[in-house]
Amino acid sequence: MLQHTQGMNPPDFDYGFNLNYGKRYTDNTPLTAQIRALIDIDTARQAKDNSTL
């Protein structure tokens, strides 16, 4: 999850896809769900910025 919000990705990187991908696994425990929710805030911002949301 975190790797997609760090560093340089191509301009057309599909951040929007990452907002749902694997969510059924990360929602299995409260801790991973909380971590993902925090990372998804940044992922959603980046998706909005490059129009992939």
C-alpha atoms as a PDB file:
ATOM      1  CA  MET A   1       0.000   0.000   0.000  1.00  0.00           C
ATOM      2  CA  LEU A   2       2.592   2.504   1.089  1.00  0.00           C
ATOM      3  CA  GLN A   3       4.929   1.855  -1.818  1.00  0.00           C
ATOM      4  CA  HIS A   4       2.447   3.389  -4.247  1.00  0.00           C
ATOM      5  CA  THR A   5       2.357   6.714  -2.414  1.00  0.00           C
ATOM      6  CA  GLN A   6       6.123   7.074  -2.093  1.00  0.00           C
ATOM      7  CA  GLY A   7       8.688   8.012  -4.683  1.00  0.00           C
ATOM      8  CA  MET A   8       8.128   8.776  -8.333  1.00  0.00           C
ATOM      9  CA  ASN A   9       5.434   7.003 -10.297  1.00  0.00           C
ATOM     10  CA  PRO A  10       4.578   7.593 -13.960  1.00  0.00           C
ATOM     11  CA  PRO A  11       2.247  10.569 -14.555  1.00  0.00           C
ATOM     12  CA  ASP A  12      -0.583   8.205 -15.553  1.00  0.00           C
ATOM     13  CA  PHE A  13      -0.180   5.859 -12.560  1.00  0.00           C
ATOM     14  CA  ASP A  14      -3.633   4.586 -11.560  1.00  0.00           C
ATOM     15  CA  TYR A  15      -3.846   5.565  -7.902  1.00  0.00           C
ATOM     16  CA  GLY A  16      -7.624   5.168  -8.019  1.00  0.00           C
ATOM     17  CA  PHE A  17      -7.237   1.443  -8.684  1.00  0.00           C
ATOM     18  CA  ASN A  18      -5.202   1.084  -5.502  1.00  0.00           C
ATOM     19  CA  LEU A  19      -7.986   2.488  -3.338  1.00  0.00           C
ATOM     20  CA  ASN A  20      -9.941  -0.773  -3.664  1.00  0.00           C
ATOM     21  CA  TYR A  21      -7.342  -3.343  -4.638  1.00  0.00           C
ATOM     22  CA  GLY A  22      -6.699  -5.815  -1.799  1.00  0.00           C
ATOM     23  CA  LYS A  23      -9.110  -4.072   0.541  1.00  0.00           C
ATOM     24  CA  ARG A  24     -10.825  -7.326   1.468  1.00  0.00           C
ATOM     25  CA  TYR A  25      -7.524  -8.504   2.941  1.00  0.00           C
ATOM     26  CA  THR A  26      -6.588  -5.323   4.769  1.00  0.00           C
ATOM     27  CA  ASP A  27     -10.074  -4.989   6.252  1.00  0.00           C
ATOM     28  CA  ASN A  28      -9.738  -8.350   8.031  1.00  0.00           C
ATOM     29  CA  THR A  29      -8.204  -6.851  11.169  1.00  0.00           C
ATOM     30  CA  PRO A  30      -8.761  -3.486  12.840  1.00  0.00           C
ATOM     31  CA  LEU A  31      -5.050  -2.613  12.795  1.00  0.00           C
ATOM     32  CA  THR A  32      -4.514  -3.169   9.075  1.00  0.00           C
ATOM     33  CA  ALA A  33      -7.815  -1.417   8.323  1.00  0.00           C
ATOM     34  CA  GLN A  34      -6.649   1.635  10.306  1.00  0.00           C
ATOM     35  CA  ILE A  35      -3.251   1.672   8.605  1.00  0.00           C
ATOM     36  CA  ARG A  36      -4.858   1.392   5.196  1.00  0.00           C
ATOM     37  CA  ALA A  37      -7.335   4.178   5.968  1.00  0.00           C
ATOM     38  CA  LEU A  38      -4.441   6.523   6.727  1.00  0.00           C
ATOM     39  CA  ILE A  39      -2.556   5.576   3.567  1.00  0.00           C
ATOM     40  CA  ASP A  40      -5.739   5.797   1.474  1.00  0.00           C
ATOM     41  CA  ILE A  41      -6.035   9.481   2.374  1.00  0.00           C
ATOM     42  CA  ASP A  42      -2.791  10.172   0.526  1.00  0.00           C
ATOM     43  CA  THR A  43      -3.635   7.728  -2.257  1.00  0.00           C
ATOM     44  CA  ALA A  44      -6.985   9.473  -2.835  1.00  0.00           C
ATOM     45  CA  ARG A  45      -5.271  12.858  -2.967  1.00  0.00           C
ATOM     46  CA  GLN A  46      -2.832  11.586  -5.570  1.00  0.00           C
ATOM     47  CA  ALA A  47      -5.659   9.946  -7.546  1.00  0.00           C
ATOM     48  CA  LYS A  48      -7.542  13.235  -7.592  1.00  0.00           C
ATOM     49  CA  ASP A  49      -4.414  15.120  -8.654  1.00  0.00           C
ATOM     50  CA  ASN A  50      -3.821  12.875 -11.680  1.00  0.00           C
ATOM     51  CA  SER A  51      -7.512  12.282 -12.531  1.00  0.00           C
ATOM     52  CA  THR A  52      -7.591   8.547 -11.744  1.00  0.00           C
ATOM     53  CA  LEU A  53     -10.176   8.833  -8.987  1.00  0.00           C
END
